[in-house]
Protein backbone atom coordinates (compact mmCIF):
# COMPACT_ATOMS: atom_id res chain seq x y z
CA MET A 1 -10.47 2.64 -36.42
CA GLU A 2 -11.02 -0.86 -35.69
CA ASN A 3 -7.45 -1.35 -33.89
CA ALA A 4 -8.16 2.12 -32.22
CA LYS A 5 -6.62 2.04 -28.36
CA LYS A 6 -9.83 1.86 -26.39
CA LEU A 7 -9.71 4.84 -23.53
CA LYS A 8 -10.30 3.47 -19.95
CA LEU A 9 -8.79 3.09 -16.62
CA GLU A 10 -6.80 -0.08 -16.55
CA ARG A 11 -7.43 -2.79 -13.99
CA LYS A 12 -2.93 -2.92 -13.08
CA LEU A 13 -3.57 -3.20 -9.07
CA HIS A 14 -2.64 -6.37 -7.36
CA TRP A 15 -4.40 -7.05 -3.77
CA TYR A 16 -1.18 -5.63 -2.43
CA HIS A 17 -1.34 -2.73 -4.03
CA GLY A 18 -4.23 -1.97 -2.84
CA VAL A 19 -3.17 -3.23 0.86
CA VAL A 20 0.08 -0.30 1.08
CA LEU A 21 -2.52 2.47 -0.85
CA ASN A 22 -4.93 1.96 2.08
CA VAL A 23 -2.60 1.25 4.86
CA GLY A 24 -0.61 4.39 3.23
CA ILE A 25 -3.27 6.69 3.00
CA ILE A 26 -4.70 5.95 6.59
CA ILE A 27 -1.22 5.74 8.84
CA GLY A 28 -0.60 9.35 7.85
CA GLY A 29 0.66 12.61 9.96
CA GLY A 30 -2.39 11.50 12.46
CA ILE A 31 -0.73 8.90 14.13
CA PHE A 32 2.35 10.92 14.83
CA ILE A 33 0.75 14.15 16.91
CA SER A 34 -3.58 13.09 17.83
CA PRO A 35 -2.12 10.43 20.61
CA LYS A 36 -2.03 13.98 22.92
CA GLY A 37 -5.20 14.56 22.00
CA VAL A 38 -6.62 11.23 22.44
CA LEU A 39 -5.36 10.91 25.89
CA ASP A 40 -6.20 14.86 27.17
CA ASN A 41 -10.10 14.19 26.21
CA ALA A 42 -9.22 10.66 27.60
CA GLY A 43 -8.36 11.61 31.23
CA SER A 44 -6.27 8.21 31.61
CA PRO A 45 -3.87 5.64 29.28
CA GLY A 46 -6.31 2.52 30.33
CA MET A 47 -8.96 4.87 28.35
CA ALA A 48 -7.49 6.51 26.11
CA LEU A 49 -6.13 2.33 24.96
CA VAL A 50 -9.80 1.89 25.30
CA VAL A 51 -11.00 4.54 23.04
CA TRP A 52 -8.19 3.58 20.49
CA ILE A 53 -9.36 0.20 20.44
CA VAL A 54 -13.06 1.32 19.96
CA SER A 55 -11.96 3.79 16.87
CA GLY A 56 -10.48 0.61 15.10
CA MET A 57 -13.47 -1.10 15.59
CA ILE A 58 -16.39 1.56 14.39
CA SER A 59 -13.41 1.69 11.50
CA THR A 60 -13.48 -1.84 10.83
CA LEU A 61 -17.28 -2.33 10.97
CA GLY A 62 -17.15 0.72 8.40
CA ALA A 63 -14.97 -1.13 6.19
CA LEU A 64 -16.58 -4.18 6.39
CA CYS A 65 -19.59 -2.35 5.20
CA TYR A 66 -17.78 -1.14 2.45
CA ALA A 67 -16.29 -4.30 1.24
CA GLU A 68 -20.16 -5.33 0.61
CA LEU A 69 -21.31 -2.39 -0.82
CA GLY A 70 -17.89 -2.34 -3.33
CA THR A 71 -18.27 -5.66 -4.25
CA SER A 72 -21.86 -5.82 -5.15
CA ILE A 73 -21.33 -2.15 -6.94
CA PRO A 74 -17.95 -2.98 -9.05
CA SER A 75 -17.31 0.38 -9.92
CA SER A 76 -15.03 3.20 -8.86
CA GLY A 77 -15.90 6.61 -6.52
CA GLY A 78 -16.00 4.66 -3.32
CA ALA A 79 -18.63 6.49 -1.06
CA TYR A 80 -20.21 8.38 -3.90
CA THR A 81 -21.10 5.51 -6.14
CA PHE A 82 -22.38 4.10 -2.89
CA ILE A 83 -24.71 6.46 -1.99
CA TYR A 84 -25.69 6.97 -5.92
CA HIS A 85 -27.30 3.69 -6.11
CA GLY A 86 -28.76 3.50 -2.51
CA LEU A 87 -29.81 7.23 -1.67
CA GLY A 88 -30.20 8.91 -5.13
CA GLU A 89 -28.09 11.80 -7.04
CA PHE A 90 -28.40 14.78 -4.53
CA PRO A 91 -27.02 13.09 -1.57
CA ALA A 92 -24.29 11.47 -3.05
CA PHE A 93 -23.70 15.09 -5.29
CA ILE A 94 -23.69 16.54 -1.62
CA GLN A 95 -20.98 13.79 0.06
CA MET A 96 -18.70 13.64 -3.48
CA TRP A 97 -19.14 18.16 -3.44
CA GLY A 98 -17.47 17.47 0.45
CA LEU A 99 -15.00 15.28 -0.07
CA THR A 100 -13.43 16.52 -3.03
CA PHE A 101 -13.86 19.67 -2.33
CA ILE A 102 -13.01 20.33 1.54
CA ALA A 103 -11.88 17.34 2.91
CA TYR A 104 -9.52 15.94 0.61
CA PRO A 105 -7.92 19.42 -0.82
CA ALA A 106 -8.03 20.53 3.10
CA GLY A 107 -5.99 17.12 4.07
CA ILE A 108 -3.68 17.58 1.32
CA THR A 109 -2.91 20.78 1.72
CA ALA A 110 -2.03 20.77 5.69
CA ARG A 111 -0.04 17.50 5.17
CA ALA A 112 1.90 19.25 2.94
CA LEU A 113 2.40 22.50 4.55
CA THR A 114 3.66 20.57 7.66
CA ILE A 115 6.20 18.70 5.99
CA SER A 116 7.38 22.27 4.74
CA TYR A 117 7.57 22.86 8.27
CA TYR A 118 9.73 20.24 9.58
CA VAL A 119 12.18 21.21 6.41
CA LEU A 120 12.60 24.46 7.17
CA GLN A 121 12.68 24.28 10.81
CA PRO A 122 16.06 23.69 10.46
CA VAL A 123 17.28 26.12 7.96
CA PHE A 124 15.72 28.68 10.25
CA SER A 125 16.40 27.25 13.62
CA SER A 126 16.63 31.09 15.08
CA CYS A 127 12.90 31.78 13.82
CA GLU A 128 9.65 30.52 12.55
CA PRO A 129 10.23 30.06 9.07
CA PRO A 130 8.82 32.26 6.90
CA LYS A 131 4.62 31.61 5.40
CA ILE A 132 5.60 32.48 2.11
CA ALA A 133 8.50 29.88 2.18
CA VAL A 134 6.25 27.68 3.58
CA LYS A 135 3.63 27.93 1.30
CA LEU A 136 5.76 27.94 -1.94
CA LEU A 137 7.36 24.42 -1.03
CA ALA A 138 3.81 23.16 -0.35
CA LEU A 139 2.86 23.89 -3.63
CA ILE A 140 6.27 22.17 -5.40
CA ILE A 141 5.14 19.31 -2.67
CA ILE A 142 1.59 19.31 -4.03
CA TRP A 143 2.11 19.68 -8.09
CA PHE A 144 4.78 16.63 -7.60
CA ILE A 145 3.03 14.32 -6.47
CA THR A 146 0.03 15.07 -9.21
CA TYR A 147 2.50 14.81 -11.65
CA VAL A 148 4.08 11.06 -10.32
CA ASN A 149 0.04 10.64 -10.72
CA TYR A 150 -0.64 12.43 -14.41
CA ARG A 151 2.52 10.32 -15.90
CA LYS A 152 1.16 6.60 -14.30
CA VAL A 153 -0.82 4.66 -12.37
CA LYS A 154 2.12 2.36 -11.77
CA TRP A 155 4.46 5.21 -10.73
CA ALA A 156 2.04 6.87 -7.89
CA VAL A 157 1.21 2.92 -6.23
CA ASN A 158 5.19 2.20 -6.61
CA VAL A 159 5.93 5.10 -4.54
CA GLN A 160 2.88 4.26 -2.73
CA MET A 161 4.68 1.06 -1.49
CA PHE A 162 8.03 2.85 -1.35
CA LEU A 163 6.44 5.10 1.37
CA THR A 164 3.92 2.65 3.02
CA THR A 165 7.05 0.33 4.00
CA THR A 166 9.63 3.10 5.19
CA LYS A 167 6.25 4.53 6.98
CA VAL A 168 5.52 1.12 8.74
CA LEU A 169 9.28 0.67 9.70
CA SER A 170 9.41 3.52 11.50
CA LEU A 171 6.75 3.12 13.53
CA LEU A 172 8.39 -0.27 14.11
CA VAL A 173 11.12 0.99 15.28
CA ILE A 174 9.09 3.80 17.74
CA THR A 175 7.51 1.18 18.52
CA ALA A 176 10.39 -0.99 19.69
CA ALA A 177 12.07 1.22 21.19
CA GLY A 178 8.63 1.97 23.34
CA LEU A 179 8.34 -1.99 24.33
CA ALA A 180 11.73 -2.16 25.27
CA TYR A 181 11.28 0.40 28.22
CA LEU A 182 8.35 -1.73 29.30
CA GLY A 183 10.26 -4.90 28.95
CA GLN A 184 12.24 -3.58 31.37
CA GLY A 185 9.61 -2.82 33.99
CA GLN A 186 9.35 0.64 33.02
CA MET A 187 5.87 1.00 32.80
CA GLU A 188 5.64 5.35 33.11
CA SER A 189 2.49 5.92 32.01
CA LEU A 190 0.82 2.53 31.58
CA ALA A 191 1.03 2.46 35.77
CA GLY A 192 -1.84 4.91 36.18
CA GLY A 193 -4.42 2.59 34.95
CA PHE A 194 -7.60 4.19 34.27
CA ASN A 195 -6.81 6.84 37.37
CA GLY A 196 -7.91 10.15 36.33
CA SER A 197 -10.76 9.18 33.68
CA THR A 198 -13.20 10.98 31.86
CA THR A 199 -17.10 11.83 31.77
CA ALA A 200 -18.98 10.06 28.57
CA LYS A 201 -18.31 13.27 27.09
CA GLY A 202 -14.79 13.49 27.23
CA PHE A 203 -14.69 9.75 26.00
CA ALA A 204 -16.56 10.86 22.89
CA ILE A 205 -14.65 13.47 22.02
CA ALA A 206 -11.43 11.22 22.52
CA ILE A 207 -13.51 8.60 19.92
CA TYR A 208 -13.92 11.61 17.30
CA SER A 209 -10.09 12.49 17.79
CA ALA A 210 -9.25 9.48 17.34
CA MET A 211 -10.95 8.70 14.15
CA PHE A 212 -9.26 11.04 12.38
CA SER A 213 -5.95 9.15 12.79
CA TYR A 214 -8.67 6.47 11.04
CA SER A 215 -9.73 8.41 8.38
CA GLY A 216 -8.89 7.02 5.12
CA TRP A 217 -9.90 3.32 5.21
CA ALA A 218 -12.46 3.44 1.99
CA SER A 219 -10.01 4.83 -0.13
CA ILE A 220 -9.24 1.50 -1.80
CA THR A 221 -13.11 1.42 -2.71
CA THR A 222 -12.24 4.50 -4.77
CA VAL A 223 -9.68 2.79 -7.22
CA THR A 224 -12.39 -0.09 -7.90
CA GLU A 225 -11.61 -0.16 -11.97
CA GLU A 226 -8.15 -0.09 -11.47
CA LEU A 227 -8.27 -3.47 -9.17
CA LYS A 228 -7.83 -6.97 -10.11
CA LYS A 229 -11.19 -8.81 -9.41
CA PRO A 230 -12.23 -7.04 -7.35
CA SER A 231 -14.88 -9.41 -6.07
CA ARG A 232 -12.46 -11.05 -4.41
CA ASN A 233 -9.55 -8.81 -3.88
CA LEU A 234 -11.63 -5.57 -2.17
CA PRO A 235 -12.71 -8.13 1.04
CA ILE A 236 -8.84 -9.12 1.51
CA VAL A 237 -7.35 -5.53 0.93
CA ILE A 238 -10.07 -3.79 3.32
CA LEU A 239 -9.41 -6.29 6.06
CA VAL A 240 -5.76 -6.66 5.59
CA SER A 241 -5.42 -3.33 5.89
CA MET A 242 -7.23 -2.63 8.55
CA GLY A 243 -6.30 -5.37 10.73
CA ILE A 244 -2.66 -3.40 10.18
CA VAL A 245 -3.66 -0.51 10.85
CA LEU A 246 -5.66 -1.60 14.23
CA VAL A 247 -2.68 -3.84 15.59
CA THR A 248 0.38 -1.05 14.81
CA TYR A 249 -1.82 2.19 16.66
CA ILE A 250 -2.06 0.11 19.82
CA LEU A 251 1.31 -1.42 19.73
CA ILE A 252 2.42 2.22 19.16
CA ASN A 253 0.25 3.86 22.20
CA ILE A 254 1.64 0.89 24.49
CA ALA A 255 4.40 1.96 23.83
CA TYR A 256 4.51 5.76 24.16
CA PHE A 257 2.55 4.99 27.61
CA SER A 258 5.58 2.67 28.60
CA ALA A 259 8.26 5.61 27.66
CA LEU A 260 6.61 8.57 28.28
CA SER A 261 4.61 10.13 31.57
CA VAL A 262 1.00 11.42 31.21
CA ARG A 263 3.01 14.79 31.36
CA GLU A 264 5.08 14.15 28.68
CA MET A 265 2.82 12.99 26.55
CA LEU A 266 0.55 15.61 27.25
CA GLU A 267 3.75 19.11 26.67
CA SER A 268 4.82 16.70 23.36
CA TYR A 269 3.45 18.06 19.95
CA ALA A 270 4.51 14.51 18.52
CA ALA A 271 4.95 11.66 20.98
CA SER A 272 7.22 10.09 18.64
CA ILE A 273 9.79 12.73 18.49
CA THR A 274 9.47 12.96 22.40
CA LEU A 275 9.78 9.22 22.88
CA VAL A 276 13.09 8.92 20.19
CA GLU A 277 14.94 11.71 22.17
CA LYS A 278 14.39 10.08 25.26
CA VAL A 279 14.75 6.37 24.26
CA ILE A 280 16.98 6.90 21.46
CA PRO A 281 18.32 10.10 21.35
CA ALA A 282 20.94 8.97 18.59
CA ILE A 283 18.04 8.71 15.82
CA ALA A 284 15.97 11.53 16.75
CA PRO A 285 17.20 14.26 13.96
CA VAL A 286 15.81 11.53 12.12
CA ILE A 287 12.57 11.30 13.07
CA PRO A 288 11.31 14.41 10.96
CA ALA A 289 12.26 13.07 8.07
CA LEU A 290 10.29 9.63 8.76
CA VAL A 291 7.13 11.77 9.42
CA ALA A 292 7.49 13.74 6.10
CA LEU A 293 7.77 10.91 4.48
CA ALA A 294 4.65 9.48 6.37
CA LEU A 295 2.81 12.80 4.88
CA ILE A 296 3.74 12.43 1.61
CA GLY A 297 2.45 8.62 1.42
CA SER A 298 -0.80 10.64 2.48
CA ILE A 299 -0.33 12.85 -0.11
CA ASN A 300 0.18 10.41 -2.37
CA GLY A 301 -3.02 8.59 -1.51
CA SER A 302 -5.36 11.57 -1.67
CA ILE A 303 -4.58 12.70 -4.39
CA LEU A 304 -5.04 9.41 -6.18
CA CYS A 305 -8.54 8.90 -4.80
CA ALA A 306 -9.92 12.20 -4.54
CA SER A 307 -9.51 12.15 -7.97
CA ARG A 308 -11.35 8.73 -9.19
CA ILE A 309 -14.28 10.34 -6.94
CA LEU A 310 -14.45 13.51 -9.32
CA PHE A 311 -13.61 11.46 -12.34
CA ILE A 312 -16.37 9.46 -11.62
CA GLY A 313 -18.69 12.23 -10.93
CA GLY A 314 -18.43 13.57 -14.28
CA ARG A 315 -19.20 10.34 -16.23
CA ARG A 316 -22.19 10.63 -14.08
CA GLY A 317 -22.99 13.46 -15.22
CA HIS A 318 -22.90 15.58 -11.65
CA LEU A 319 -19.78 17.85 -12.76
CA PRO A 320 -18.75 18.82 -16.26
CA SER A 321 -17.99 16.26 -18.68
CA ILE A 322 -14.10 17.50 -19.40
CA ILE A 323 -13.40 15.89 -15.73
CA ASN A 324 -14.76 12.26 -17.19
CA HIS A 325 -11.69 12.48 -19.51
CA VAL A 326 -8.67 10.48 -19.74
CA ASN A 327 -5.15 11.41 -21.33
CA ILE A 328 -4.46 9.52 -24.21
CA ASN A 329 -0.57 8.59 -23.62
CA HIS A 330 -1.07 7.52 -19.69
CA SER A 331 -4.66 6.46 -19.09
CA THR A 332 -4.85 8.62 -16.33
CA PRO A 333 -7.49 10.82 -15.22
CA GLY A 334 -5.41 14.16 -16.30
CA PHE A 335 -7.56 16.94 -15.64
CA ALA A 336 -9.43 15.73 -12.44
CA LEU A 337 -6.06 15.52 -10.79
CA ILE A 338 -4.98 19.24 -11.82
CA LEU A 339 -8.49 20.18 -10.27
CA ILE A 340 -7.75 18.61 -7.15
CA ALA A 341 -4.05 20.00 -6.68
CA THR A 342 -5.63 23.38 -8.16
CA VAL A 343 -8.55 23.78 -5.27
CA SER A 344 -5.44 21.88 -2.97
CA SER A 345 -3.44 25.54 -4.37
CA LEU A 346 -6.24 27.50 -3.04
CA TYR A 347 -6.34 26.02 0.13
CA ALA A 348 -2.41 27.03 0.85
CA THR A 349 -3.12 30.51 0.39
CA LEU A 350 -4.75 30.82 3.44
CA ASP A 351 -3.69 31.08 7.29
CA ASN A 352 -6.23 29.39 9.01
CA ILE A 353 -5.95 25.88 6.90
CA TYR A 354 -5.77 24.17 10.02
CA THR A 355 -9.53 25.14 11.03
CA LEU A 356 -10.34 23.21 7.56
CA ILE A 357 -8.71 20.04 9.29
CA ASN A 358 -11.90 19.74 11.67
CA TYR A 359 -14.62 19.60 8.93
CA CYS A 360 -12.16 16.22 7.46
CA VAL A 361 -13.74 14.08 10.10
CA LEU A 362 -16.95 15.79 10.07
CA VAL A 363 -17.21 14.60 6.35
CA ASP A 364 -15.95 11.66 7.05
CA VAL A 365 -18.37 10.20 9.67
CA LEU A 366 -21.53 11.74 6.68
CA GLU A 367 -19.76 9.46 4.42
CA MET A 368 -20.27 6.38 6.87
CA PHE A 369 -23.27 7.25 7.67
CA LEU A 370 -25.01 8.03 4.02
CA SER A 371 -22.58 4.76 2.89
CA VAL A 372 -24.39 2.23 5.85
CA THR A 373 -27.71 3.67 4.93
CA SER A 374 -27.23 2.94 1.37
CA LEU A 375 -26.30 -0.58 2.37
CA LEU A 376 -29.07 -1.13 4.56
CA ARG A 377 -31.59 0.95 1.91
CA LEU A 378 -30.34 -1.30 -1.07
CA ARG A 379 -30.73 -4.63 0.74
CA TYR A 380 -34.72 -4.17 1.62
CA THR A 381 -35.39 -2.43 -2.34
CA ASN A 382 -32.88 -4.36 -4.26
CA PRO A 383 -32.47 -7.72 -2.56
CA GLN A 384 -32.16 -9.63 -5.92
CA LEU A 385 -28.64 -7.44 -6.50
CA GLU A 386 -25.93 -10.09 -6.59
CA ARG A 387 -23.66 -9.75 -3.60
CA PRO A 388 -20.32 -11.54 -3.53
CA MET A 389 -20.03 -10.55 -0.07
CA LYS A 390 -22.85 -10.77 2.25
CA LEU A 391 -22.42 -9.07 6.31
CA ASN A 392 -24.52 -10.88 9.16
CA LEU A 393 -27.18 -7.68 9.17
CA ILE A 394 -25.96 -7.24 12.59
CA ILE A 395 -22.73 -5.66 11.60
CA PRO A 396 -24.02 -2.73 9.30
CA ILE A 397 -26.69 -2.43 11.85
CA LEU A 398 -24.13 -1.81 14.51
CA ALA A 399 -22.18 0.37 11.44
CA PHE A 400 -25.37 2.55 11.22
CA ILE A 401 -25.81 3.40 14.71
CA SER A 402 -22.02 4.60 15.58
CA ALA A 403 -22.13 6.65 12.36
CA LEU A 404 -25.10 8.80 13.41
CA TYR A 405 -23.59 8.88 17.34
CA LEU A 406 -20.40 10.40 15.34
CA LEU A 407 -22.82 12.54 13.38
CA LEU A 408 -25.16 13.69 16.12
CA PHE A 409 -22.36 14.55 19.60
CA PRO A 410 -20.67 17.65 17.80
CA LEU A 411 -23.82 19.11 17.05
CA PHE A 412 -24.49 19.27 20.62
CA SER A 413 -20.79 19.83 22.22
CA LYS A 414 -19.01 22.09 19.25
CA PRO A 415 -22.11 23.16 17.29
CA GLU A 416 -20.51 26.75 16.25
CA GLU A 417 -17.57 24.68 14.41
CA ILE A 418 -20.13 21.74 12.71
CA GLY A 419 -22.47 24.28 11.62
CA ILE A 420 -19.77 26.36 9.89
CA GLY A 421 -19.05 22.81 8.46
CA LEU A 422 -21.94 22.05 7.50
CA CYS A 423 -22.19 25.86 5.34
CA LEU A 424 -19.21 24.60 3.80
CA LEU A 425 -20.95 21.41 2.37
CA LEU A 426 -24.01 23.39 0.99
CA THR A 427 -21.57 25.64 -1.27
CA GLY A 428 -22.90 22.50 -3.41
CA ILE A 429 -25.52 23.59 -3.81
CA PRO A 430 -25.10 25.87 -6.46
CA VAL A 431 -22.82 23.83 -7.88
CA TYR A 432 -25.44 21.10 -8.12
CA ILE A 433 -28.34 23.26 -9.50
CA VAL A 434 -26.18 24.98 -12.17
CA PHE A 435 -23.88 21.04 -13.68
CA VAL A 436 -27.54 19.03 -13.09
CA LYS A 437 -30.57 20.04 -12.62
CA TRP A 438 -30.17 23.12 -15.66
CA THR A 439 -30.55 21.35 -18.28
CA ASN A 440 -32.15 24.08 -20.68
CA LYS A 441 -29.25 26.10 -20.97
CA PRO A 442 -28.89 28.76 -23.42
CA LYS A 443 -26.95 27.54 -26.58
CA VAL A 444 -24.40 30.27 -26.42
CA ILE A 445 -23.32 29.00 -22.89
CA GLU A 446 -23.26 25.61 -24.68
CA ARG A 447 -21.09 26.97 -27.27
CA LEU A 448 -18.50 28.35 -25.54
CA THR A 449 -18.45 25.37 -22.90
CA ARG A 450 -17.85 23.05 -25.89
CA ASP A 451 -14.49 25.14 -27.25
CA LEU A 452 -13.38 25.24 -23.64
CA TYR A 453 -13.79 21.60 -23.71
CA VAL A 454 -11.94 21.31 -27.07
CA SER A 455 -9.17 23.45 -25.93
CA ILE A 456 -8.33 21.26 -22.78
CA GLN A 457 -8.57 18.48 -24.59
CA LYS A 458 -5.93 19.24 -26.92
CA VAL A 459 -3.30 20.92 -23.70
CA LEU A 460 -4.26 18.07 -22.21
CA PHE A 461 -3.82 15.24 -24.97
CA CYS A 462 -7.28 13.50 -23.03
CA ALA A 463 -10.42 12.13 -24.25
CA GLN A 464 -13.40 11.09 -23.56
CA GLU A 465 -13.54 7.45 -21.69
CA ASP A 466 -14.66 4.47 -23.45
CA THR A 467 -17.61 2.60 -21.80
CA ILE A 468 -16.00 0.69 -19.05
CA PRO A 469 -17.53 -3.20 -18.40
CA CYS A 470 -17.87 -4.18 -15.00
CA GLU A 471 -15.38 -7.19 -14.44
CA LYS A 472 -16.52 -9.79 -11.65
């Protein structure tokens, strides 16, 4: 037994793997569609650009806080782990529940359905693609990407590197096309400047819309245990990836406003397609494929990160221990991956999946608020904690204020949507009571549970992970 393989998540990711993973998740379908909603609420091109910059700055503040937390607590799980150490068991569980059973699966399914629509639309050019066909193709996409993640972490990362590179190149092509217009003196929407800018309420709604395109900036902290030299590489990954995303978003929006009028922007479902059709019509048919690749990259990264959060939940006893099992051959969290794919598949059966996407931002903002609160509390309760990266206190304070504002604002502007979102979050309470607080379960339940776990271990060829020492 001394020569037995030690089961654990292995550190195989370099900093550049982390950058492409983070960029690949952040730059999903949002930037191809969100500019319309941001402009509609901002009221003017000038104010819309301000919204994108402010949203990027808020996201960067949060990312910097996550860099300090991630280097101080070098364990996978991201915000779930930070909140667990900073605020305790119950807030961490609720955040984990909302992220892994609401936000991640809903986002994964919505992106898969969007890809299906783009792929099937040319086949059914005279009508809408059948819903059953769209859903079946979405399920195939979800499970295929899950299989890639199940077989090997490097496979998933290599796929992510290819898709992220393709995605960034496609955005550069779109940006170059728009900026070429600007270079010729064509300014379309930019000529209007700040004319028609919205009120403070509209500005806040626009920021909320833009934040969806920035969501995912903390994903790298969910795989800290698989990142080499996390104390050095994690801050590099976060700062480099946020810099790439911020510059990319600003440039592509300038390109949109250079080539398209406000009316064209507001009437377009996807501004990127409209821009290319106007400027380079010859390559317009390729854009839907590029959008599909962007969405596949987001699905791939989301499945990888969501499974790691579940994995840590199983390790801490917040979820059934079977989730904290590693495949013996592939060193991947097999059951956690299958669970994420299964929940995403259930969402694919619903017709109102896009309504659930509205709750993704709520969960993301709640995560940022609780994580930054954890950072501030740890500064006070555990000043001796080793902090390889320690921020100036003003940064977490600004991040706290920003998150609080984004958390409270929808309660007054969209009370019904937020109320439903909160109810979805609260469905985690019964699960918390059963799996965390109910410790003296009847022996018959324990025996049945144990037999079920053994059967799953045999089918998935997995075993409980070994204790993993933190690497500094």
